C-alpha atoms as a PDB file:
ATOM      1  CA  MET A   1     -62.016 -53.575 121.256  1.00  0.00           C
ATOM      2  CA  THR A   2     -61.052 -52.537 124.290  1.00  0.00           C
ATOM      3  CA  GLU A   3     -64.019 -50.698 127.064  1.00  0.00           C
ATOM      4  CA  LEU A   4     -62.443 -47.596 126.168  1.00  0.00           C
ATOM      5  CA  GLU A   5     -63.919 -48.107 122.607  1.00  0.00           C
ATOM      6  CA  GLN A   6     -66.986 -49.399 123.917  1.00  0.00           C
ATOM      7  CA  SER A   7     -67.357 -45.942 125.565  1.00  0.00           C
ATOM      8  CA  PRO A   8     -70.679 -44.333 124.227  1.00  0.00           C
ATOM      9  CA  PRO A   9     -69.983 -41.080 121.495  1.00  0.00           C
ATOM     10  CA  GLY A  10     -69.236 -37.994 123.649  1.00  0.00           C
ATOM     11  CA  GLY A  11     -68.549 -39.881 126.947  1.00  0.00           C
ATOM     12  CA  ALA A  12     -65.749 -39.588 129.307  1.00  0.00           C
ATOM     13  CA  THR A  13     -62.810 -41.674 129.093  1.00  0.00           C
ATOM     14  CA  LEU A  14     -60.713 -42.714 131.801  1.00  0.00           C
ATOM     15  CA  ILE A  15     -57.230 -44.067 131.477  1.00  0.00           C
ATOM     16  CA  ILE A  16     -55.966 -46.350 134.643  1.00  0.00           C
ATOM     17  CA  ILE A  17     -52.343 -46.678 134.739  1.00  0.00           C
ATOM     18  CA  THR A  18     -50.939 -48.886 136.897  1.00  0.00           C
ATOM     19  CA  GLY A  19     -47.560 -51.600 136.911  1.00  0.00           C
ATOM     20  CA  MET A  20     -44.271 -52.388 138.316  1.00  0.00           C
ATOM     21  CA  SER A  21     -43.056 -49.982 140.337  1.00  0.00           C
ATOM     22  CA  GLY A  22     -40.093 -48.292 138.584  1.00  0.00           C
ATOM     23  CA  ALA A  23     -41.178 -49.244 135.199  1.00  0.00           C
ATOM     24  CA  GLY A  24     -42.211 -45.388 134.105  1.00  0.00           C
ATOM     25  CA  LYS A  25     -45.515 -44.352 135.740  1.00  0.00           C
ATOM     26  CA  THR A  26     -44.576 -40.847 136.180  1.00  0.00           C
ATOM     27  CA  ILE A  27     -43.229 -40.578 132.479  1.00  0.00           C
ATOM     28  CA  ALA A  28     -46.792 -41.695 131.414  1.00  0.00           C
ATOM     29  CA  VAL A  29     -49.052 -39.683 133.389  1.00  0.00           C
ATOM     30  CA  GLN A  30     -47.134 -36.754 132.412  1.00  0.00           C
ATOM     31  CA  SER A  31     -47.687 -37.959 128.563  1.00  0.00           C
ATOM     32  CA  LEU A  32     -51.209 -37.623 129.161  1.00  0.00           C
ATOM     33  CA  GLU A  33     -51.260 -34.522 131.148  1.00  0.00           C
ATOM     34  CA  ASP A  34     -49.660 -33.028 127.942  1.00  0.00           C
ATOM     35  CA  LEU A  35     -52.324 -34.638 126.192  1.00  0.00           C
ATOM     36  CA  GLY A  36     -54.478 -32.180 128.165  1.00  0.00           C
ATOM     37  CA  PHE A  37     -55.911 -35.028 130.467  1.00  0.00           C
ATOM     38  CA  PHE A  38     -56.793 -34.458 133.800  1.00  0.00           C
ATOM     39  CA  CYS A  39     -54.508 -36.910 136.296  1.00  0.00           C
ATOM     40  CA  VAL A  40     -54.591 -37.939 139.913  1.00  0.00           C
ATOM     41  CA  ASP A  41     -51.582 -39.745 140.954  1.00  0.00           C
ATOM     42  CA  ASN A  42     -51.796 -42.183 143.827  1.00  0.00           C
ATOM     43  CA  LEU A  43     -55.755 -42.296 143.988  1.00  0.00           C
ATOM     44  CA  PRO A  44     -57.286 -45.172 146.720  1.00  0.00           C
ATOM     45  CA  PRO A  45     -59.018 -47.538 144.324  1.00  0.00           C
ATOM     46  CA  VAL A  46     -62.402 -47.037 146.689  1.00  0.00           C
ATOM     47  CA  LEU A  47     -62.323 -43.578 145.814  1.00  0.00           C
ATOM     48  CA  ILE A  48     -62.724 -44.777 141.825  1.00  0.00           C
ATOM     49  CA  PRO A  49     -66.754 -44.779 141.868  1.00  0.00           C
ATOM     50  CA  LYS A  50     -67.077 -41.427 143.967  1.00  0.00           C
ATOM     51  CA  PHE A  51     -64.485 -39.583 141.511  1.00  0.00           C
ATOM     52  CA  ALA A  52     -66.501 -41.174 138.459  1.00  0.00           C
ATOM     53  CA  GLU A  53     -69.424 -39.842 139.733  1.00  0.00           C
ATOM     54  CA  LEU A  54     -67.921 -35.887 140.012  1.00  0.00           C
ATOM     55  CA  ILE A  55     -66.415 -36.842 136.319  1.00  0.00           C
ATOM     56  CA  GLU A  56     -70.442 -37.277 134.798  1.00  0.00           C
ATOM     57  CA  GLN A  57     -71.725 -34.468 137.015  1.00  0.00           C
ATOM     58  CA  SER A  58     -69.093 -31.995 135.350  1.00  0.00           C
ATOM     59  CA  LYS A  59     -71.070 -32.617 131.931  1.00  0.00           C
ATOM     60  CA  GLY A  60     -68.152 -32.571 129.964  1.00  0.00           C
ATOM     61  CA  LYS A  61     -66.095 -29.816 131.608  1.00  0.00           C
ATOM     62  CA  ILE A  62     -63.817 -33.070 132.566  1.00  0.00           C
ATOM     63  CA  ALA A  63     -64.032 -35.669 129.797  1.00  0.00           C
ATOM     64  CA  LYS A  64     -60.527 -36.797 129.918  1.00  0.00           C
ATOM     65  CA  VAL A  65     -59.315 -38.707 133.080  1.00  0.00           C
ATOM     66  CA  ALA A  66     -56.068 -40.554 134.134  1.00  0.00           C
ATOM     67  CA  LEU A  67     -55.525 -42.405 137.598  1.00  0.00           C
ATOM     68  CA  VAL A  68     -52.496 -43.933 138.351  1.00  0.00           C
ATOM     69  CA  ILE A  69     -53.138 -46.781 141.268  1.00  0.00           C
ATOM     70  CA  ASP A  70     -50.225 -48.527 142.465  1.00  0.00           C
ATOM     71  CA  LEU A  71     -49.143 -50.511 145.528  1.00  0.00           C
ATOM     72  CA  ARG A  72     -48.502 -47.307 147.656  1.00  0.00           C
ATOM     73  CA  GLY A  73     -51.964 -47.931 148.311  1.00  0.00           C
ATOM     74  CA  ARG A  74     -51.853 -51.759 148.819  1.00  0.00           C
ATOM     75  CA  GLU A  75     -54.218 -51.578 151.807  1.00  0.00           C
ATOM     76  CA  PHE A  76     -56.843 -50.370 149.097  1.00  0.00           C
ATOM     77  CA  PHE A  77     -55.982 -52.283 146.125  1.00  0.00           C
ATOM     78  CA  THR A  78     -58.031 -55.142 146.238  1.00  0.00           C
ATOM     79  CA  ALA A  79     -60.878 -52.783 145.431  1.00  0.00           C
ATOM     80  CA  LEU A  80     -59.984 -51.786 142.052  1.00  0.00           C
ATOM     81  CA  SER A  81     -61.606 -54.487 140.597  1.00  0.00           C
ATOM     82  CA  GLU A  82     -65.086 -53.478 142.559  1.00  0.00           C
ATOM     83  CA  SER A  83     -64.480 -50.358 141.468  1.00  0.00           C
ATOM     84  CA  LEU A  84     -63.849 -50.707 137.949  1.00  0.00           C
ATOM     85  CA  SER A  85     -67.143 -53.012 137.442  1.00  0.00           C
ATOM     86  CA  TYR A  86     -68.868 -50.405 139.283  1.00  0.00           C
ATOM     87  CA  ILE A  87     -67.965 -48.158 136.321  1.00  0.00           C
ATOM     88  CA  LYS A  88     -68.473 -50.815 133.805  1.00  0.00           C
ATOM     89  CA  ASP A  89     -72.262 -51.500 134.551  1.00  0.00           C
ATOM     90  CA  GLU A  90     -73.088 -48.337 136.212  1.00  0.00           C
ATOM     91  CA  SER A  91     -71.679 -45.108 134.553  1.00  0.00           C
ATOM     92  CA  THR A  92     -71.562 -44.105 131.001  1.00  0.00           C
ATOM     93  CA  ILE A  93     -67.301 -43.628 131.327  1.00  0.00           C
ATOM     94  CA  GLY A  94     -65.545 -46.081 129.087  1.00  0.00           C
ATOM     95  CA  PHE A  95     -62.194 -47.110 131.063  1.00  0.00           C
ATOM     96  CA  GLU A  96     -58.746 -48.775 130.016  1.00  0.00           C
ATOM     97  CA  ILE A  97     -56.285 -50.280 132.070  1.00  0.00           C
ATOM     98  CA  LEU A  98     -52.715 -49.259 130.955  1.00  0.00           C
ATOM     99  CA  PHE A  99     -49.914 -51.861 132.413  1.00  0.00           C
ATOM    100  CA  LEU A 100     -46.307 -50.634 132.651  1.00  0.00           C
ATOM    101  CA  ASP A 101     -43.560 -53.355 133.077  1.00  0.00           C
ATOM    102  CA  ALA A 102     -39.937 -53.934 133.049  1.00  0.00           C
ATOM    103  CA  THR A 103     -37.779 -57.173 133.716  1.00  0.00           C
ATOM    104  CA  ASP A 104     -36.907 -57.740 137.324  1.00  0.00           C
ATOM    105  CA  SER A 105     -33.056 -56.922 136.244  1.00  0.00           C
ATOM    106  CA  VAL A 106     -33.781 -53.768 134.930  1.00  0.00           C
ATOM    107  CA  LEU A 107     -35.652 -53.228 137.579  1.00  0.00           C
ATOM    108  CA  VAL A 108     -33.166 -53.363 139.944  1.00  0.00           C
ATOM    109  CA  GLN A 109     -30.898 -51.291 138.128  1.00  0.00           C
ATOM    110  CA  ARG A 110     -33.054 -48.474 138.252  1.00  0.00           C
ATOM    111  CA  TYR A 111     -33.582 -48.479 142.017  1.00  0.00           C
ATOM    112  CA  LYS A 112     -30.055 -48.743 142.442  1.00  0.00           C
ATOM    113  CA  GLU A 113     -29.560 -45.784 140.225  1.00  0.00           C
ATOM    114  CA  SER A 114     -32.403 -43.747 141.695  1.00  0.00           C
ATOM    115  CA  ARG A 115     -31.068 -44.723 145.324  1.00  0.00           C
ATOM    116  CA  ARG A 116     -34.839 -45.341 146.585  1.00  0.00           C
ATOM    117  CA  HIS A 117     -36.408 -48.055 148.762  1.00  0.00           C
ATOM    118  CA  HIS A 118     -38.817 -50.486 146.513  1.00  0.00           C
ATOM    119  CA  PRO A 119     -42.327 -49.647 148.500  1.00  0.00           C
ATOM    120  CA  LEU A 120     -43.086 -53.637 149.530  1.00  0.00           C
ATOM    121  CA  ALA A 121     -39.354 -53.955 150.885  1.00  0.00           C
ATOM    122  CA  PRO A 122     -38.954 -50.799 152.263  1.00  0.00           C
ATOM    123  CA  LYS A 123     -35.710 -52.144 154.535  1.00  0.00           C
ATOM    124  CA  GLY A 124     -34.411 -55.345 152.209  1.00  0.00           C
ATOM    125  CA  MET A 125     -33.865 -56.007 149.162  1.00  0.00           C
ATOM    126  CA  PRO A 126     -35.586 -54.133 146.093  1.00  0.00           C
ATOM    127  CA  LEU A 127     -35.449 -57.623 144.650  1.00  0.00           C
ATOM    128  CA  ASP A 128     -37.886 -59.129 147.113  1.00  0.00           C
ATOM    129  CA  GLY A 129     -40.363 -56.378 146.779  1.00  0.00           C
ATOM    130  CA  ILE A 130     -40.073 -56.429 143.387  1.00  0.00           C
ATOM    131  CA  ARG A 131     -40.646 -60.292 143.077  1.00  0.00           C
ATOM    132  CA  LEU A 132     -44.013 -60.040 145.372  1.00  0.00           C
ATOM    133  CA  GLU A 133     -45.141 -57.048 143.595  1.00  0.00           C
ATOM    134  CA  ARG A 134     -45.368 -58.771 140.215  1.00  0.00           C
ATOM    135  CA  GLN A 135     -46.980 -61.981 141.875  1.00  0.00           C
ATOM    136  CA  MET A 136     -49.651 -59.323 143.453  1.00  0.00           C
ATOM    137  CA  LEU A 137     -50.370 -57.626 140.253  1.00  0.00           C
ATOM    138  CA  GLU A 138     -50.292 -60.556 137.865  1.00  0.00           C
ATOM    139  CA  GLU A 139     -54.416 -60.891 137.389  1.00  0.00           C
ATOM    140  CA  LEU A 140     -54.014 -57.213 137.174  1.00  0.00           C
ATOM    141  CA  LYS A 141     -51.725 -57.467 134.376  1.00  0.00           C
ATOM    142  CA  ASN A 142     -53.938 -60.367 132.799  1.00  0.00           C
ATOM    143  CA  SER A 143     -56.721 -57.713 132.887  1.00  0.00           C
ATOM    144  CA  ALA A 144     -54.833 -54.238 130.970  1.00  0.00           C
ATOM    145  CA  THR A 145     -55.784 -53.359 127.953  1.00  0.00           C
ATOM    146  CA  LEU A 146     -52.388 -52.274 126.965  1.00  0.00           C
ATOM    147  CA  CYS A 147     -49.255 -53.662 128.481  1.00  0.00           C
ATOM    148  CA  LEU A 148     -46.023 -51.740 127.831  1.00  0.00           C
ATOM    149  CA  ASP A 149     -42.662 -53.276 128.262  1.00  0.00           C
ATOM    150  CA  THR A 150     -39.981 -50.366 129.212  1.00  0.00           C
ATOM    151  CA  SER A 151     -37.062 -52.503 129.803  1.00  0.00           C
ATOM    152  CA  SER A 152     -35.585 -50.942 126.574  1.00  0.00           C
ATOM    153  CA  MET A 153     -37.013 -47.854 126.409  1.00  0.00           C
ATOM    154  CA  LYS A 154     -35.813 -44.591 127.120  1.00  0.00           C
ATOM    155  CA  PRO A 155     -38.041 -41.788 129.183  1.00  0.00           C
ATOM    156  CA  VAL A 156     -38.553 -39.861 125.716  1.00  0.00           C
ATOM    157  CA  GLN A 157     -39.166 -43.099 123.633  1.00  0.00           C
ATOM    158  CA  LEU A 158     -42.125 -44.196 126.563  1.00  0.00           C
ATOM    159  CA  LYS A 159     -43.550 -40.857 125.758  1.00  0.00           C
ATOM    160  CA  GLU A 160     -43.327 -41.127 122.444  1.00  0.00           C
ATOM    161  CA  ARG A 161     -45.594 -44.481 122.546  1.00  0.00           C
ATOM    162  CA  ILE A 162     -48.361 -43.157 125.090  1.00  0.00           C
ATOM    163  CA  VAL A 163     -48.533 -39.919 122.690  1.00  0.00           C
ATOM    164  CA  SER A 164     -48.883 -41.941 119.843  1.00  0.00           C
ATOM    165  CA  ARG A 165     -51.697 -44.448 121.517  1.00  0.00           C
ATOM    166  CA  PHE A 166     -53.533 -41.849 123.128  1.00  0.00           C
ATOM    167  CA  SER A 167     -53.372 -38.776 121.138  1.00  0.00           C
ATOM    168  CA  HIS A 168     -56.455 -39.140 119.657  1.00  0.00           C
ATOM    169  CA  LEU A 169     -58.338 -38.408 122.967  1.00  0.00           C
ATOM    170  CA  GLY A 170     -56.441 -35.047 123.706  1.00  0.00           C
ATOM    171  CA  LYS A 171     -54.674 -32.551 121.402  1.00  0.00           C
ATOM    172  CA  SER A 172     -50.871 -32.182 122.430  1.00  0.00           C
ATOM    173  CA  THR A 173     -50.095 -28.597 122.201  1.00  0.00           C
ATOM    174  CA  LEU A 174     -46.661 -27.445 122.542  1.00  0.00           C
ATOM    175  CA  SER A 175     -45.891 -24.053 124.869  1.00  0.00           C
ATOM    176  CA  VAL A 176     -44.262 -21.467 122.915  1.00  0.00           C
ATOM    177  CA  ASN A 177     -43.333 -18.402 125.574  1.00  0.00           C
ATOM    178  CA  ILE A 178     -41.347 -15.700 124.261  1.00  0.00           C
ATOM    179  CA  THR A 179     -39.460 -13.213 126.130  1.00  0.00           C
ATOM    180  CA  SER A 180     -37.870 -10.075 125.459  1.00  0.00           C
ATOM    181  CA  PHE A 181     -35.108  -9.163 128.025  1.00  0.00           C
ATOM    182  CA  GLY A 182     -32.356  -6.454 128.090  1.00  0.00           C
ATOM    183  CA  PHE A 183     -28.484  -8.299 128.288  1.00  0.00           C
ATOM    184  CA  LYS A 184     -27.536  -5.298 130.638  1.00  0.00           C
ATOM    185  CA  TYR A 185     -29.661  -7.343 133.242  1.00  0.00           C
ATOM    186  CA  GLY A 186     -28.991 -10.833 132.161  1.00  0.00           C
ATOM    187  CA  ILE A 187     -29.744 -13.390 129.897  1.00  0.00           C
ATOM    188  CA  PRO A 188     -32.823 -15.575 131.185  1.00  0.00           C
ATOM    189  CA  ILE A 189     -31.530 -18.648 132.590  1.00  0.00           C
ATOM    190  CA  ASP A 190     -34.614 -21.008 131.437  1.00  0.00           C
ATOM    191  CA  ALA A 191     -34.177 -19.492 127.670  1.00  0.00           C
ATOM    192  CA  ASP A 192     -34.078 -22.767 125.199  1.00  0.00           C
ATOM    193  CA  LEU A 193     -33.228 -20.268 122.682  1.00  0.00           C
ATOM    194  CA  VAL A 194     -31.646 -16.757 122.599  1.00  0.00           C
ATOM    195  CA  PHE A 195     -31.731 -14.104 119.746  1.00  0.00           C
ATOM    196  CA  ASP A 196     -29.493 -11.167 119.955  1.00  0.00           C
ATOM    197  CA  VAL A 197     -31.222  -8.399 118.083  1.00  0.00           C
ATOM    198  CA  ARG A 198     -29.008  -5.297 119.095  1.00  0.00           C
ATOM    199  CA  PHE A 199     -27.790  -4.946 115.560  1.00  0.00           C
ATOM    200  CA  LEU A 200     -31.012  -3.231 114.651  1.00  0.00           C
ATOM    201  CA  PRO A 201     -31.276   0.203 114.733  1.00  0.00           C
ATOM    202  CA  ASN A 202     -31.951   1.679 118.409  1.00  0.00           C
ATOM    203  CA  PRO A 203     -35.173   3.795 119.112  1.00  0.00           C
ATOM    204  CA  HIS A 204     -33.183   4.567 122.040  1.00  0.00           C
ATOM    205  CA  TYR A 205     -31.406   7.504 120.577  1.00  0.00           C
ATOM    206  CA  VAL A 206     -35.082   8.602 118.811  1.00  0.00           C
ATOM    207  CA  ASP A 207     -35.773  11.697 121.795  1.00  0.00           C
ATOM    208  CA  GLN A 208     -39.723  11.257 121.322  1.00  0.00           C
ATOM    209  CA  LEU A 209     -39.547   7.395 121.165  1.00  0.00           C
ATOM    210  CA  ARG A 210     -36.843   7.050 124.292  1.00  0.00           C
ATOM    211  CA  PRO A 211     -39.386   6.569 126.930  1.00  0.00           C
ATOM    212  CA  LYS A 212     -42.089   4.362 125.243  1.00  0.00           C
ATOM    213  CA  THR A 213     -41.523   0.907 124.912  1.00  0.00           C
ATOM    214  CA  GLY A 214     -41.883  -1.802 121.674  1.00  0.00           C
ATOM    215  CA  GLN A 215     -45.206  -2.345 122.708  1.00  0.00           C
ATOM    216  CA  ASP A 216     -46.352   1.380 121.591  1.00  0.00           C
ATOM    217  CA  SER A 217     -47.078   1.713 117.794  1.00  0.00           C
ATOM    218  CA  GLU A 218     -44.302   4.299 117.419  1.00  0.00           C
ATOM    219  CA  VAL A 219     -41.417   2.308 118.679  1.00  0.00           C
ATOM    220  CA  TYR A 220     -42.940  -0.985 116.946  1.00  0.00           C
ATOM    221  CA  ASP A 221     -43.243   0.575 113.489  1.00  0.00           C
ATOM    222  CA  TYR A 222     -39.632   2.479 114.005  1.00  0.00           C
ATOM    223  CA  VAL A 223     -38.162  -1.002 114.651  1.00  0.00           C
ATOM    224  CA  MET A 224     -40.567  -2.505 112.086  1.00  0.00           C
ATOM    225  CA  LYS A 225     -39.444  -0.448 109.501  1.00  0.00           C
ATOM    226  CA  TRP A 226     -35.968  -1.491 108.344  1.00  0.00           C
ATOM    227  CA  PRO A 227     -34.562  -3.685 106.042  1.00  0.00           C
ATOM    228  CA  GLU A 228     -32.435  -5.810 107.872  1.00  0.00           C
ATOM    229  CA  THR A 229     -35.460  -6.190 110.270  1.00  0.00           C
ATOM    230  CA  GLN A 230     -37.922  -7.454 107.679  1.00  0.00           C
ATOM    231  CA  ILE A 231     -34.709 -10.044 106.322  1.00  0.00           C
ATOM    232  CA  PHE A 232     -34.045 -10.960 109.951  1.00  0.00           C
ATOM    233  CA  LEU A 233     -37.758 -11.672 110.916  1.00  0.00           C
ATOM    234  CA  THR A 234     -37.928 -13.636 107.792  1.00  0.00           C
ATOM    235  CA  LYS A 235     -34.684 -15.287 108.459  1.00  0.00           C
ATOM    236  CA  LEU A 236     -36.098 -16.230 112.240  1.00  0.00           C
ATOM    237  CA  LEU A 237     -39.336 -17.408 111.384  1.00  0.00           C
ATOM    238  CA  ASP A 238     -38.012 -19.830 108.779  1.00  0.00           C
ATOM    239  CA  MET A 239     -35.531 -21.236 111.491  1.00  0.00           C
ATOM    240  CA  LEU A 240     -38.130 -21.169 114.490  1.00  0.00           C
ATOM    241  CA  HIS A 241     -41.076 -23.248 111.780  1.00  0.00           C
ATOM    242  CA  PHE A 242     -38.437 -25.728 111.184  1.00  0.00           C
ATOM    243  CA  LEU A 243     -37.691 -26.184 114.991  1.00  0.00           C
ATOM    244  CA  ILE A 244     -40.757 -26.170 116.818  1.00  0.00           C
ATOM    245  CA  PRO A 245     -41.914 -29.181 115.077  1.00  0.00           C
ATOM    246  CA  GLN A 246     -38.409 -31.090 116.429  1.00  0.00           C
ATOM    247  CA  TYR A 247     -39.112 -30.091 120.075  1.00  0.00           C
ATOM    248  CA  ARG A 248     -42.901 -31.552 119.861  1.00  0.00           C
ATOM    249  CA  LYS A 249     -41.357 -34.854 117.603  1.00  0.00           C
ATOM    250  CA  GLU A 250     -38.610 -35.035 120.867  1.00  0.00           C
ATOM    251  CA  GLY A 251     -41.517 -35.202 123.121  1.00  0.00           C
ATOM    252  CA  LYS A 252     -40.786 -31.490 124.932  1.00  0.00           C
ATOM    253  CA  SER A 253     -44.038 -29.679 126.130  1.00  0.00           C
ATOM    254  CA  GLN A 254     -42.378 -26.464 126.335  1.00  0.00           C
ATOM    255  CA  ILE A 255     -40.101 -23.937 124.862  1.00  0.00           C
ATOM    256  CA  ILE A 256     -38.967 -20.568 125.855  1.00  0.00           C
ATOM    257  CA  ILE A 257     -37.380 -18.650 123.578  1.00  0.00           C
ATOM    258  CA  GLY A 258     -35.500 -15.033 124.369  1.00  0.00           C
ATOM    259  CA  ILE A 259     -34.930 -12.000 122.429  1.00  0.00           C
ATOM    260  CA  GLY A 260     -32.595  -9.834 123.749  1.00  0.00           C
ATOM    261  CA  CYS A 261     -31.610  -5.680 123.048  1.00  0.00           C
ATOM    262  CA  THR A 262     -29.465  -3.549 125.105  1.00  0.00           C
ATOM    263  CA  GLY A 263     -31.844  -2.680 127.419  1.00  0.00           C
ATOM    264  CA  GLY A 264     -34.981  -5.075 126.761  1.00  0.00           C
ATOM    265  CA  LYS A 265     -37.247  -2.146 126.381  1.00  0.00           C
ATOM    266  CA  HIS A 266     -37.694  -1.141 122.600  1.00  0.00           C
ATOM    267  CA  ARG A 267     -36.005  -3.663 120.116  1.00  0.00           C
ATOM    268  CA  SER A 268     -36.284  -6.853 121.864  1.00  0.00           C
ATOM    269  CA  VAL A 269     -40.087  -6.310 122.864  1.00  0.00           C
ATOM    270  CA  ALA A 270     -41.273  -5.069 119.454  1.00  0.00           C
ATOM    271  CA  ILE A 271     -39.743  -8.150 117.872  1.00  0.00           C
ATOM    272  CA  SER A 272     -41.203 -10.257 120.624  1.00  0.00           C
ATOM    273  CA  GLU A 273     -44.716  -8.986 119.930  1.00  0.00           C
ATOM    274  CA  TYR A 274     -44.410  -9.661 116.124  1.00  0.00           C
ATOM    275  CA  LEU A 275     -43.160 -13.306 117.188  1.00  0.00           C
ATOM    276  CA  GLY A 276     -46.026 -13.695 119.095  1.00  0.00           C
ATOM    277  CA  LYS A 277     -48.421 -12.910 116.478  1.00  0.00           C
ATOM    278  CA  MET A 278     -47.109 -14.528 113.717  1.00  0.00           C
ATOM    279  CA  LEU A 279     -46.706 -17.664 115.894  1.00  0.00           C
ATOM    280  CA  GLY A 280     -49.684 -17.489 117.587  1.00  0.00           C
ATOM    281  CA  VAL A 281     -51.532 -18.294 114.390  1.00  0.00           C
ATOM    282  CA  SER A 282     -50.980 -21.625 114.574  1.00  0.00           C
ATOM    283  CA  GLU A 283     -53.520 -24.176 116.126  1.00  0.00           C
ATOM    284  CA  THR A 284     -50.510 -26.616 117.243  1.00  0.00           C
ATOM    285  CA  GLU A 285     -48.995 -23.853 119.527  1.00  0.00           C
ATOM    286  CA  ALA A 286     -50.301 -22.304 122.379  1.00  0.00           C
ATOM    287  CA  VAL A 287     -47.669 -19.092 122.427  1.00  0.00           C
ATOM    288  CA  ALA A 288     -46.962 -16.596 125.370  1.00  0.00           C
ATOM    289  CA  VAL A 289     -45.469 -13.587 125.164  1.00  0.00           C
ATOM    290  CA  SER A 290     -44.138 -11.405 128.043  1.00  0.00           C
ATOM    291  CA  HIS A 291     -41.389  -8.405 128.405  1.00  0.00           C
ATOM    292  CA  ARG A 292     -39.173  -8.959 131.740  1.00  0.00           C
ATOM    293  CA  ASP A 293     -37.362  -5.836 131.623  1.00  0.00           C
ATOM    294  CA  SER A 294     -39.562  -3.419 129.302  1.00  0.00           C
ATOM    295  CA  GLU A 295     -40.387  -0.995 132.423  1.00  0.00           C
ATOM    296  CA  ARG A 296     -36.940  -0.824 134.093  1.00  0.00           C
ATOM    297  CA  ASP A 297     -35.508   2.751 133.961  1.00  0.00           C
ATOM    298  CA  ARG A 298     -38.814   4.014 132.084  1.00  0.00           C
ATOM    299  CA  HIS A 299     -38.588   7.710 132.271  1.00  0.00           C
END
């Protein structure tokens, strides 16, 4: 049983992310952030006891924490053992050590691809730094509660392993951002999916609706009343209910859906509002709706 599993019911949990430079600590901390962990990169180990006190004083507001500890702070690294002993003996925080490793050959290749210097061999050969680092971390690796060899893992596979291991400690949500836009102003460059609703009847040609937007009930009702609108929405929601879990499975933490009409004022706004309401009822997604162009040329 790990230290984390021994933590008191309702107590805070702390994950120490460490291991070989280039083994995937950045992916690990990003994965834990997506699970709702409060993450701190490169915290000097000597400050861990003070940080633990702040966690306890937060009275549950900070309950899931991940700290990246590596040899960038090597002058403090020898304090890690004492700091963890303090947490074990003096606090209610349960902790787990996640150690990431990879073979020397893989680490050398990763450094060559990234064109970065090893922190322990800034002017020398990467392999020299890797061997020295492995020697310095040997004792810590032996005390880790979870070791992952990332040699043959792609980033998405490492993220899947992290999420699978720690998802019970945090709720993973996929942020779904729905934005309406006008094609005449350009497609949003950051959109993952784009849907064109210019085939729907256009409120622009109804005099009393022209100055309003799809957020006004009169325009919204006008867009929604057509049979082709209802058929389209049924098919679109069916597609999104299929796609969103697939994106989450692939490790995405955010998806941006663009809904476009000619000016981004009527049809796309109404459709976006509808999708926000329908997708927002799910507890597994955080849904936000925005309207990029709805206030342009308003008259």
